[in-house]
C-alpha atoms as a PDB file:
ATOM      1  CA  UNK A   1      -0.005   0.006  -0.019  1.00  0.00           C
ATOM      2  CA  UNK A   2       1.360   3.418  -0.953  1.00  0.00           C
ATOM      3  CA  UNK A   3       2.289   5.414   2.165  1.00  0.00           C
ATOM      4  CA  UNK A   4       0.247   8.538   2.931  1.00  0.00           C
ATOM      5  CA  UNK A   5       1.708  11.894   3.902  1.00  0.00           C
ATOM      6  CA  UNK A   6      -0.106  11.505   7.198  1.00  0.00           C
ATOM      7  CA  UNK A   7       1.649   8.221   7.797  1.00  0.00           C
ATOM      8  CA  UNK A   8       4.995   9.820   6.980  1.00  0.00           C
ATOM      9  CA  UNK A   9       4.316  12.779   9.291  1.00  0.00           C
ATOM     10  CA  UNK A  10       3.389  10.284  12.095  1.00  0.00           C
ATOM     11  CA  UNK A  11       6.975   8.986  11.865  1.00  0.00           C
ATOM     12  CA  UNK A  12       8.196  12.593  12.449  1.00  0.00           C
ATOM     13  CA  UNK A  13       6.313  12.489  15.780  1.00  0.00           C
ATOM     14  CA  UNK A  14       7.980   9.312  16.876  1.00  0.00           C
ATOM     15  CA  UNK A  15      11.558   9.861  15.730  1.00  0.00           C
ATOM     16  CA  UNK A  16      14.194  10.045  18.523  1.00  0.00           C
ATOM     17  CA  UNK A  17      14.248  13.640  19.712  1.00  0.00           C
ATOM     18  CA  UNK A  18      17.346  15.753  19.797  1.00  0.00           C
ATOM     19  CA  UNK A  19      19.023  16.178  23.148  1.00  0.00           C
ATOM     20  CA  UNK A  20      17.654  19.039  25.169  1.00  0.00           C
ATOM     21  CA  UNK A  21      21.079  20.619  25.300  1.00  0.00           C
ATOM     22  CA  UNK A  22      21.269  20.633  21.533  1.00  0.00           C
ATOM     23  CA  UNK A  23      17.757  22.069  21.168  1.00  0.00           C
ATOM     24  CA  UNK A  24      18.694  24.841  23.675  1.00  0.00           C
ATOM     25  CA  UNK A  25      21.936  25.591  21.789  1.00  0.00           C
ATOM     26  CA  UNK A  26      20.135  25.804  18.396  1.00  0.00           C
ATOM     27  CA  UNK A  27      17.448  27.967  19.794  1.00  0.00           C
ATOM     28  CA  UNK A  28      20.110  30.313  21.165  1.00  0.00           C
ATOM     29  CA  UNK A  29      22.075  30.233  17.945  1.00  0.00           C
ATOM     30  CA  UNK A  30      18.907  31.269  16.106  1.00  0.00           C
ATOM     31  CA  UNK A  31      18.760  34.509  17.990  1.00  0.00           C
ATOM     32  CA  UNK A  32      20.650  37.486  16.626  1.00  0.00           C
ATOM     33  CA  UNK A  33      21.639  38.797  20.056  1.00  0.00           C
ATOM     34  CA  UNK A  34      23.373  36.139  22.156  1.00  0.00           C
ATOM     35  CA  UNK A  35      26.755  35.699  23.828  1.00  0.00           C
ATOM     36  CA  UNK A  36      29.364  32.945  24.069  1.00  0.00           C
ATOM     37  CA  UNK A  37      28.834  33.109  27.835  1.00  0.00           C
ATOM     38  CA  UNK A  38      25.166  31.971  27.377  1.00  0.00           C
ATOM     39  CA  UNK A  39      26.401  29.158  25.098  1.00  0.00           C
ATOM     40  CA  UNK A  40      29.012  28.049  27.642  1.00  0.00           C
ATOM     41  CA  UNK A  41      26.331  27.917  30.421  1.00  0.00           C
ATOM     42  CA  UNK A  42      24.199  25.576  28.308  1.00  0.00           C
ATOM     43  CA  UNK A  43      27.109  23.285  27.463  1.00  0.00           C
ATOM     44  CA  UNK A  44      28.304  23.174  31.094  1.00  0.00           C
ATOM     45  CA  UNK A  45      25.003  21.419  32.040  1.00  0.00           C
ATOM     46  CA  UNK A  46      25.893  18.493  29.730  1.00  0.00           C
ATOM     47  CA  UNK A  47      28.869  16.457  30.932  1.00  0.00           C
ATOM     48  CA  UNK A  48      29.182  14.421  27.679  1.00  0.00           C
ATOM     49  CA  UNK A  49      29.123  17.556  25.409  1.00  0.00           C
ATOM     50  CA  UNK A  50      31.590  19.321  27.702  1.00  0.00           C
ATOM     51  CA  UNK A  51      33.986  16.390  27.409  1.00  0.00           C
ATOM     52  CA  UNK A  52      33.567  16.378  23.556  1.00  0.00           C
ATOM     53  CA  UNK A  53      34.282  20.126  23.349  1.00  0.00           C
ATOM     54  CA  UNK A  54      37.427  19.779  25.471  1.00  0.00           C
ATOM     55  CA  UNK A  55      38.456  16.690  23.411  1.00  0.00           C
ATOM     56  CA  UNK A  56      38.202  18.597  20.114  1.00  0.00           C
ATOM     57  CA  UNK A  57      39.947  21.763  21.329  1.00  0.00           C
ATOM     58  CA  UNK A  58      42.907  19.654  22.558  1.00  0.00           C
ATOM     59  CA  UNK A  59      43.106  17.566  19.420  1.00  0.00           C
ATOM     60  CA  UNK A  60      45.941  17.774  16.935  1.00  0.00           C
ATOM     61  CA  UNK A  61      43.724  19.876  14.578  1.00  0.00           C
ATOM     62  CA  UNK A  62      43.921  22.811  17.013  1.00  0.00           C
ATOM     63  CA  UNK A  63      47.235  21.963  18.712  1.00  0.00           C
ATOM     64  CA  UNK A  64      47.090  24.234  21.786  1.00  0.00           C
ATOM     65  CA  UNK A  65      50.456  25.041  23.369  1.00  0.00           C
ATOM     66  CA  UNK A  66      49.133  23.903  26.752  1.00  0.00           C
ATOM     67  CA  UNK A  67      46.166  21.627  27.379  1.00  0.00           C
ATOM     68  CA  UNK A  68      42.904  23.576  27.694  1.00  0.00           C
ATOM     69  CA  UNK A  69      40.925  22.361  30.641  1.00  0.00           C
ATOM     70  CA  UNK A  70      38.525  25.361  30.995  1.00  0.00           C
ATOM     71  CA  UNK A  71      35.295  25.103  29.190  1.00  0.00           C
ATOM     72  CA  UNK A  72      34.970  28.915  28.634  1.00  0.00           C
ATOM     73  CA  UNK A  73      38.439  28.959  27.135  1.00  0.00           C
ATOM     74  CA  UNK A  74      37.548  26.025  24.962  1.00  0.00           C
ATOM     75  CA  UNK A  75      34.357  27.613  23.649  1.00  0.00           C
ATOM     76  CA  UNK A  76      36.167  30.886  22.990  1.00  0.00           C
ATOM     77  CA  UNK A  77      39.003  29.100  21.110  1.00  0.00           C
ATOM     78  CA  UNK A  78      36.680  27.044  18.935  1.00  0.00           C
ATOM     79  CA  UNK A  79      34.065  29.647  18.244  1.00  0.00           C
ATOM     80  CA  UNK A  80      30.324  29.276  17.846  1.00  0.00           C
ATOM     81  CA  UNK A  81      30.163  27.378  14.526  1.00  0.00           C
ATOM     82  CA  UNK A  82      32.524  24.707  15.672  1.00  0.00           C
ATOM     83  CA  UNK A  83      30.834  24.348  19.068  1.00  0.00           C
ATOM     84  CA  UNK A  84      27.455  24.031  17.442  1.00  0.00           C
ATOM     85  CA  UNK A  85      28.930  21.490  14.982  1.00  0.00           C
ATOM     86  CA  UNK A  86      30.331  19.436  17.840  1.00  0.00           C
ATOM     87  CA  UNK A  87      26.929  19.601  19.628  1.00  0.00           C
ATOM     88  CA  UNK A  88      25.024  18.566  16.449  1.00  0.00           C
ATOM     89  CA  UNK A  89      27.452  15.684  15.938  1.00  0.00           C
ATOM     90  CA  UNK A  90      27.128  14.393  19.461  1.00  0.00           C
ATOM     91  CA  UNK A  91      23.507  15.343  20.082  1.00  0.00           C
ATOM     92  CA  UNK A  92      22.070  13.976  16.838  1.00  0.00           C
ATOM     93  CA  UNK A  93      24.686  11.252  16.155  1.00  0.00           C
ATOM     94  CA  UNK A  94      22.110   8.524  15.499  1.00  0.00           C
ATOM     95  CA  UNK A  95      20.436  10.549  12.813  1.00  0.00           C
ATOM     96  CA  UNK A  96      23.582  11.651  11.012  1.00  0.00           C
ATOM     97  CA  UNK A  97      25.406   8.327  11.198  1.00  0.00           C
ATOM     98  CA  UNK A  98      22.624   6.186   9.696  1.00  0.00           C
ATOM     99  CA  UNK A  99      22.760   4.938   6.129  1.00  0.00           C
ATOM    100  CA  UNK A 100      19.946   6.312   3.871  1.00  0.00           C
ATOM    101  CA  UNK A 101      19.102   3.101   2.035  1.00  0.00           C
ATOM    102  CA  UNK A 102      16.254   4.803   0.115  1.00  0.00           C
ATOM    103  CA  UNK A 103      18.798   7.195  -1.446  1.00  0.00           C
ATOM    104  CA  UNK A 104      21.436   4.503  -1.836  1.00  0.00           C
ATOM    105  CA  UNK A 105      23.598   6.503   0.591  1.00  0.00           C
ATOM    106  CA  UNK A 106      26.150   4.836   2.795  1.00  0.00           C
ATOM    107  CA  UNK A 107      26.561   5.358   6.554  1.00  0.00           C
ATOM    108  CA  UNK A 108      28.311   8.617   7.294  1.00  0.00           C
ATOM    109  CA  UNK A 109      27.620  10.248   3.888  1.00  0.00           C
ATOM    110  CA  UNK A 110      24.836  12.466   5.336  1.00  0.00           C
ATOM    111  CA  UNK A 111      27.178  13.846   7.935  1.00  0.00           C
ATOM    112  CA  UNK A 112      29.985  14.494   5.437  1.00  0.00           C
ATOM    113  CA  UNK A 113      27.603  16.207   3.006  1.00  0.00           C
ATOM    114  CA  UNK A 114      26.053  18.310   5.815  1.00  0.00           C
ATOM    115  CA  UNK A 115      29.351  19.436   7.215  1.00  0.00           C
ATOM    116  CA  UNK A 116      30.655  20.477   3.759  1.00  0.00           C
ATOM    117  CA  UNK A 117      27.385  22.264   3.073  1.00  0.00           C
ATOM    118  CA  UNK A 118      27.739  24.080   6.356  1.00  0.00           C
ATOM    119  CA  UNK A 119      31.245  25.347   5.578  1.00  0.00           C
ATOM    120  CA  UNK A 120      30.234  26.452   2.098  1.00  0.00           C
ATOM    121  CA  UNK A 121      27.056  28.150   3.362  1.00  0.00           C
ATOM    122  CA  UNK A 122      29.046  30.155   5.847  1.00  0.00           C
ATOM    123  CA  UNK A 123      31.437  31.280   3.044  1.00  0.00           C
ATOM    124  CA  UNK A 124      28.492  32.337   0.898  1.00  0.00           C
ATOM    125  CA  UNK A 125      27.154  34.280   3.900  1.00  0.00           C
ATOM    126  CA  UNK A 126      30.357  36.297   3.996  1.00  0.00           C
ATOM    127  CA  UNK A 127      29.620  37.342   0.375  1.00  0.00           C
ATOM    128  CA  UNK A 128      25.874  37.922   0.745  1.00  0.00           C
ATOM    129  CA  UNK A 129      24.377  41.099  -0.477  1.00  0.00           C
ATOM    130  CA  UNK A 130      21.999  41.167   2.493  1.00  0.00           C
ATOM    131  CA  UNK A 131      23.723  41.383   5.940  1.00  0.00           C
ATOM    132  CA  UNK A 132      23.258  38.204   7.912  1.00  0.00           C
ATOM    133  CA  UNK A 133      24.721  36.008  10.706  1.00  0.00           C
ATOM    134  CA  UNK A 134      27.149  33.675   8.980  1.00  0.00           C
ATOM    135  CA  UNK A 135      27.130  31.242  11.824  1.00  0.00           C
ATOM    136  CA  UNK A 136      23.387  30.728  11.230  1.00  0.00           C
ATOM    137  CA  UNK A 137      24.127  29.801   7.629  1.00  0.00           C
ATOM    138  CA  UNK A 138      26.601  27.251   8.955  1.00  0.00           C
ATOM    139  CA  UNK A 139      24.031  25.776  11.269  1.00  0.00           C
ATOM    140  CA  UNK A 140      21.419  25.782   8.538  1.00  0.00           C
ATOM    141  CA  UNK A 141      23.801  23.823   6.351  1.00  0.00           C
ATOM    142  CA  UNK A 142      24.350  21.207   9.012  1.00  0.00           C
ATOM    143  CA  UNK A 143      20.621  20.511   9.399  1.00  0.00           C
ATOM    144  CA  UNK A 144      19.204  21.170   5.889  1.00  0.00           C
ATOM    145  CA  UNK A 145      18.883  17.538   4.729  1.00  0.00           C
ATOM    146  CA  UNK A 146      17.524  15.884   7.836  1.00  0.00           C
ATOM    147  CA  UNK A 147      14.155  15.320   6.222  1.00  0.00           C
ATOM    148  CA  UNK A 148      15.861  12.444   4.326  1.00  0.00           C
ATOM    149  CA  UNK A 149      16.232  10.392   7.501  1.00  0.00           C
ATOM    150  CA  UNK A 150      12.399  10.256   7.620  1.00  0.00           C
ATOM    151  CA  UNK A 151      11.797   9.676   3.941  1.00  0.00           C
ATOM    152  CA  UNK A 152      14.552   7.084   3.349  1.00  0.00           C
ATOM    153  CA  UNK A 153      12.686   3.969   4.434  1.00  0.00           C
ATOM    154  CA  UNK A 154       9.485   4.988   2.657  1.00  0.00           C
ATOM    155  CA  UNK A 155      11.456   5.690  -0.464  1.00  0.00           C
ATOM    156  CA  UNK A 156      13.220   2.391  -0.248  1.00  0.00           C
ATOM    157  CA  UNK A 157       9.931   0.506  -0.018  1.00  0.00           C
ATOM    158  CA  UNK A 158       8.498   2.381  -2.951  1.00  0.00           C
ATOM    159  CA  UNK A 159      11.555   1.943  -5.165  1.00  0.00           C
ATOM    160  CA  UNK A 160      11.625  -1.826  -4.478  1.00  0.00           C
ATOM    161  CA  UNK A 161       8.224  -2.196  -6.118  1.00  0.00           C
ATOM    162  CA  UNK A 162       8.860  -0.016  -9.141  1.00  0.00           C
ATOM    163  CA  UNK A 163       9.067  -1.128 -12.756  1.00  0.00           C
ATOM    164  CA  UNK A 164      11.204   0.105 -15.556  1.00  0.00           C
ATOM    165  CA  UNK A 165       9.002   3.185 -15.689  1.00  0.00           C
ATOM    166  CA  UNK A 166      10.909   4.609 -12.709  1.00  0.00           C
ATOM    167  CA  UNK A 167      14.238   3.869 -14.289  1.00  0.00           C
ATOM    168  CA  UNK A 168      13.141   5.826 -17.312  1.00  0.00           C
ATOM    169  CA  UNK A 169      11.919   8.649 -15.071  1.00  0.00           C
ATOM    170  CA  UNK A 170      15.221   8.770 -13.257  1.00  0.00           C
ATOM    171  CA  UNK A 171      17.026   8.952 -16.642  1.00  0.00           C
ATOM    172  CA  UNK A 172      14.838  11.916 -17.540  1.00  0.00           C
ATOM    173  CA  UNK A 173      15.703  13.577 -14.339  1.00  0.00           C
ATOM    174  CA  UNK A 174      19.410  13.201 -15.096  1.00  0.00           C
ATOM    175  CA  UNK A 175      18.759  15.364 -18.117  1.00  0.00           C
ATOM    176  CA  UNK A 176      16.341  17.664 -16.243  1.00  0.00           C
ATOM    177  CA  UNK A 177      17.311  17.552 -12.577  1.00  0.00           C
ATOM    178  CA  UNK A 178      14.514  17.690 -10.064  1.00  0.00           C
ATOM    179  CA  UNK A 179      14.704  14.784  -7.688  1.00  0.00           C
ATOM    180  CA  UNK A 180      12.023  16.400  -5.480  1.00  0.00           C
ATOM    181  CA  UNK A 181       9.555  15.522  -8.265  1.00  0.00           C
ATOM    182  CA  UNK A 182      10.553  11.845  -7.925  1.00  0.00           C
ATOM    183  CA  UNK A 183       9.965  11.958  -4.215  1.00  0.00           C
ATOM    184  CA  UNK A 184       6.654  13.687  -4.676  1.00  0.00           C
ATOM    185  CA  UNK A 185       5.527  11.160  -7.298  1.00  0.00           C
ATOM    186  CA  UNK A 186       6.398   8.243  -5.096  1.00  0.00           C
ATOM    187  CA  UNK A 187       5.365   9.627  -1.718  1.00  0.00           C
ATOM    188  CA  UNK A 188       3.241  12.727  -2.310  1.00  0.00           C
ATOM    189  CA  UNK A 189       5.768  14.768  -0.325  1.00  0.00           C
ATOM    190  CA  UNK A 190       9.484  15.450  -0.403  1.00  0.00           C
ATOM    191  CA  UNK A 191      12.373  15.744   2.038  1.00  0.00           C
ATOM    192  CA  UNK A 192      12.086  19.499   2.259  1.00  0.00           C
ATOM    193  CA  UNK A 193       8.458  19.474   3.416  1.00  0.00           C
ATOM    194  CA  UNK A 194       9.235  16.646   5.892  1.00  0.00           C
ATOM    195  CA  UNK A 195      12.373  18.523   7.028  1.00  0.00           C
ATOM    196  CA  UNK A 196      10.290  21.541   7.941  1.00  0.00           C
ATOM    197  CA  UNK A 197       7.856  19.355   9.939  1.00  0.00           C
ATOM    198  CA  UNK A 198      10.788  17.733  11.703  1.00  0.00           C
ATOM    199  CA  UNK A 199      12.354  21.075  12.539  1.00  0.00           C
ATOM    200  CA  UNK A 200       9.074  22.280  14.039  1.00  0.00           C
ATOM    201  CA  UNK A 201       8.639  19.066  15.942  1.00  0.00           C
ATOM    202  CA  UNK A 202      12.077  19.662  17.488  1.00  0.00           C
ATOM    203  CA  UNK A 203      11.101  23.297  18.230  1.00  0.00           C
ATOM    204  CA  UNK A 204      13.991  24.646  16.184  1.00  0.00           C
ATOM    205  CA  UNK A 205      14.120  28.398  15.283  1.00  0.00           C
ATOM    206  CA  UNK A 206      12.080  29.334  12.178  1.00  0.00           C
ATOM    207  CA  UNK A 207      15.317  30.361  10.397  1.00  0.00           C
ATOM    208  CA  UNK A 208      16.598  26.764  10.604  1.00  0.00           C
ATOM    209  CA  UNK A 209      13.209  25.287   9.645  1.00  0.00           C
ATOM    210  CA  UNK A 210      13.194  27.576   6.626  1.00  0.00           C
ATOM    211  CA  UNK A 211      16.642  26.195   5.551  1.00  0.00           C
ATOM    212  CA  UNK A 212      15.303  22.656   5.903  1.00  0.00           C
ATOM    213  CA  UNK A 213      12.083  23.539   3.981  1.00  0.00           C
ATOM    214  CA  UNK A 214      13.323  25.775   1.117  1.00  0.00           C
ATOM    215  CA  UNK A 215      16.985  24.881   0.364  1.00  0.00           C
ATOM    216  CA  UNK A 216      16.022  23.716  -3.134  1.00  0.00           C
ATOM    217  CA  UNK A 217      13.608  26.626  -3.734  1.00  0.00           C
ATOM    218  CA  UNK A 218      15.178  29.602  -1.915  1.00  0.00           C
ATOM    219  CA  UNK A 219      13.085  32.229  -3.783  1.00  0.00           C
ATOM    220  CA  UNK A 220      10.007  30.803  -1.996  1.00  0.00           C
ATOM    221  CA  UNK A 221      11.436  31.102   1.537  1.00  0.00           C
ATOM    222  CA  UNK A 222       9.934  33.755   3.848  1.00  0.00           C
ATOM    223  CA  UNK A 223      11.661  37.094   3.113  1.00  0.00           C
ATOM    224  CA  UNK A 224      13.164  37.366   6.584  1.00  0.00           C
ATOM    225  CA  UNK A 225      14.977  34.071   6.107  1.00  0.00           C
ATOM    226  CA  UNK A 226      15.572  34.224   2.369  1.00  0.00           C
ATOM    227  CA  UNK A 227      19.253  35.300   2.557  1.00  0.00           C
ATOM    228  CA  UNK A 228      20.096  32.453   4.896  1.00  0.00           C
ATOM    229  CA  UNK A 229      18.309  29.940   2.692  1.00  0.00           C
ATOM    230  CA  UNK A 230      20.185  31.125  -0.402  1.00  0.00           C
ATOM    231  CA  UNK A 231      23.429  30.486   1.405  1.00  0.00           C
ATOM    232  CA  UNK A 232      22.411  26.945   2.269  1.00  0.00           C
ATOM    233  CA  UNK A 233      21.141  26.458  -1.349  1.00  0.00           C
ATOM    234  CA  UNK A 234      24.624  27.429  -2.679  1.00  0.00           C
ATOM    235  CA  UNK A 235      26.378  25.456   0.037  1.00  0.00           C
ATOM    236  CA  UNK A 236      24.366  22.291  -0.910  1.00  0.00           C
ATOM    237  CA  UNK A 237      25.541  22.544  -4.510  1.00  0.00           C
ATOM    238  CA  UNK A 238      29.206  23.177  -3.591  1.00  0.00           C
ATOM    239  CA  UNK A 239      29.174  20.144  -1.309  1.00  0.00           C
ATOM    240  CA  UNK A 240      27.860  17.945  -4.142  1.00  0.00           C
ATOM    241  CA  UNK A 241      30.370  19.493  -6.584  1.00  0.00           C
ATOM    242  CA  UNK A 242      33.104  18.499  -4.076  1.00  0.00           C
ATOM    243  CA  UNK A 243      31.898  14.926  -4.469  1.00  0.00           C
ATOM    244  CA  UNK A 244      29.994  14.703  -1.160  1.00  0.00           C
ATOM    245  CA  UNK A 245      26.357  13.981  -1.958  1.00  0.00           C
ATOM    246  CA  UNK A 246      23.770  11.710  -0.326  1.00  0.00           C
ATOM    247  CA  UNK A 247      23.417   8.949  -2.933  1.00  0.00           C
ATOM    248  CA  UNK A 248      21.312   8.795  -6.053  1.00  0.00           C
ATOM    249  CA  UNK A 249      19.959  12.313  -5.773  1.00  0.00           C
ATOM    250  CA  UNK A 250      23.367  13.965  -5.895  1.00  0.00           C
ATOM    251  CA  UNK A 251      23.382  16.853  -8.414  1.00  0.00           C
ATOM    252  CA  UNK A 252      19.802  15.961  -9.356  1.00  0.00           C
ATOM    253  CA  UNK A 253      18.418  19.418  -8.421  1.00  0.00           C
ATOM    254  CA  UNK A 254      18.176  22.694 -10.236  1.00  0.00           C
ATOM    255  CA  UNK A 255      20.103  25.804  -9.245  1.00  0.00           C
ATOM    256  CA  UNK A 256      17.866  28.757  -8.471  1.00  0.00           C
ATOM    257  CA  UNK A 257      17.960  31.186 -11.460  1.00  0.00           C
ATOM    258  CA  UNK A 258      18.303  34.258  -9.321  1.00  0.00           C
ATOM    259  CA  UNK A 259      21.080  32.814  -7.068  1.00  0.00           C
ATOM    260  CA  UNK A 260      23.988  34.946  -8.209  1.00  0.00           C
ATOM    261  CA  UNK A 261      22.013  38.182  -7.580  1.00  0.00           C
ATOM    262  CA  UNK A 262      22.122  37.536  -3.896  1.00  0.00           C
ATOM    263  CA  UNK A 263      25.961  37.461  -3.586  1.00  0.00           C
ATOM    264  CA  UNK A 264      28.998  39.510  -4.470  1.00  0.00           C
ATOM    265  CA  UNK A 265      30.768  36.742  -6.357  1.00  0.00           C
ATOM    266  CA  UNK A 266      33.718  37.885  -8.438  1.00  0.00           C
ATOM    267  CA  UNK A 267      35.656  35.707 -10.817  1.00  0.00           C
ATOM    268  CA  UNK A 268      36.812  32.436  -9.208  1.00  0.00           C
ATOM    269  CA  UNK A 269      34.745  33.036  -6.027  1.00  0.00           C
ATOM    270  CA  UNK A 270      32.968  29.716  -6.184  1.00  0.00           C
ATOM    271  CA  UNK A 271      36.216  27.870  -6.911  1.00  0.00           C
ATOM    272  CA  UNK A 272      37.794  29.538  -3.806  1.00  0.00           C
ATOM    273  CA  UNK A 273      34.803  28.455  -1.726  1.00  0.00           C
ATOM    274  CA  UNK A 274      35.331  24.924  -2.913  1.00  0.00           C
ATOM    275  CA  UNK A 275      38.939  25.049  -1.843  1.00  0.00           C
ATOM    276  CA  UNK A 276      38.054  26.361   1.527  1.00  0.00           C
ATOM    277  CA  UNK A 277      35.491  23.585   1.993  1.00  0.00           C
ATOM    278  CA  UNK A 278      38.135  21.001   1.093  1.00  0.00           C
ATOM    279  CA  UNK A 279      40.736  22.450   3.385  1.00  0.00           C
ATOM    280  CA  UNK A 280      38.483  23.090   6.394  1.00  0.00           C
ATOM    281  CA  UNK A 281      36.812  19.707   6.067  1.00  0.00           C
ATOM    282  CA  UNK A 282      40.171  18.018   6.229  1.00  0.00           C
ATOM    283  CA  UNK A 283      41.129  19.999   9.298  1.00  0.00           C
ATOM    284  CA  UNK A 284      37.895  19.614  11.260  1.00  0.00           C
ATOM    285  CA  UNK A 285      36.280  16.402  10.041  1.00  0.00           C
ATOM    286  CA  UNK A 286      38.435  14.144  12.167  1.00  0.00           C
ATOM    287  CA  UNK A 287      37.686  15.480  15.575  1.00  0.00           C
ATOM    288  CA  UNK A 288      34.090  16.539  14.663  1.00  0.00           C
ATOM    289  CA  UNK A 289      33.220  13.298  12.951  1.00  0.00           C
ATOM    290  CA  UNK A 290      34.610  11.420  15.857  1.00  0.00           C
ATOM    291  CA  UNK A 291      31.824  12.801  18.005  1.00  0.00           C
ATOM    292  CA  UNK A 292      29.244  11.733  15.390  1.00  0.00           C
ATOM    293  CA  UNK A 293      30.046   8.074  15.341  1.00  0.00           C
END
């Protein structure tokens, strides 16, 4: 029997929730006016996260001259984006580490794609025409594809029963990319719509819910969040161009026609962003991915 949207949304209600520490951090990060002291106070209430932050700041990637044993010093040294990344990796490890069988995506690929998207989204934020909080773009990049963890099993079940008609449709989408249309044909919904439902179930800030909902159609995002969503949209493509997709849907989406009007992108800017993604990913993936396993 074909799954209903209501049945898929019911799974959103029953998925393992994010840790309360992570929810509080993401809610704080979604506010324009917040301090590192507030962030430190939240982390200090979670012994496991505190240990992870201290582990990362003392790792070879950051090579402090003397061991850092103070949480405030560790948070200041790492900065908001890395602290949030560590918190996401440890507080949502089950979600990010799972294979997405419906997308033919191996264990760990979702986290790699999300981390690369986050780095690129932050870089686009620095070049955005509209002023914005670049750390929010980073966080939006980390979370943008989480709707896939809900759709994956439903997609796998539907694909298992398909005939050659689906194979032909997928070939057509290779020429005219829009994998969201494949999801909607099979399931009457897509990972963006389900991502927004998931973000609201977890009580995430609307800015992050918008990134989850509209990262493939940024022009449709609410105006107050549109600049952030465009950053995540660009970051998503850069991650895929760097070879980090999430399976069969990689590069099977269309770039927004008005994308470049939202950024000050001179010659070679996208290539430089790709190099930044590659370099930063190599430096931070080890310690950060270690918390996500």
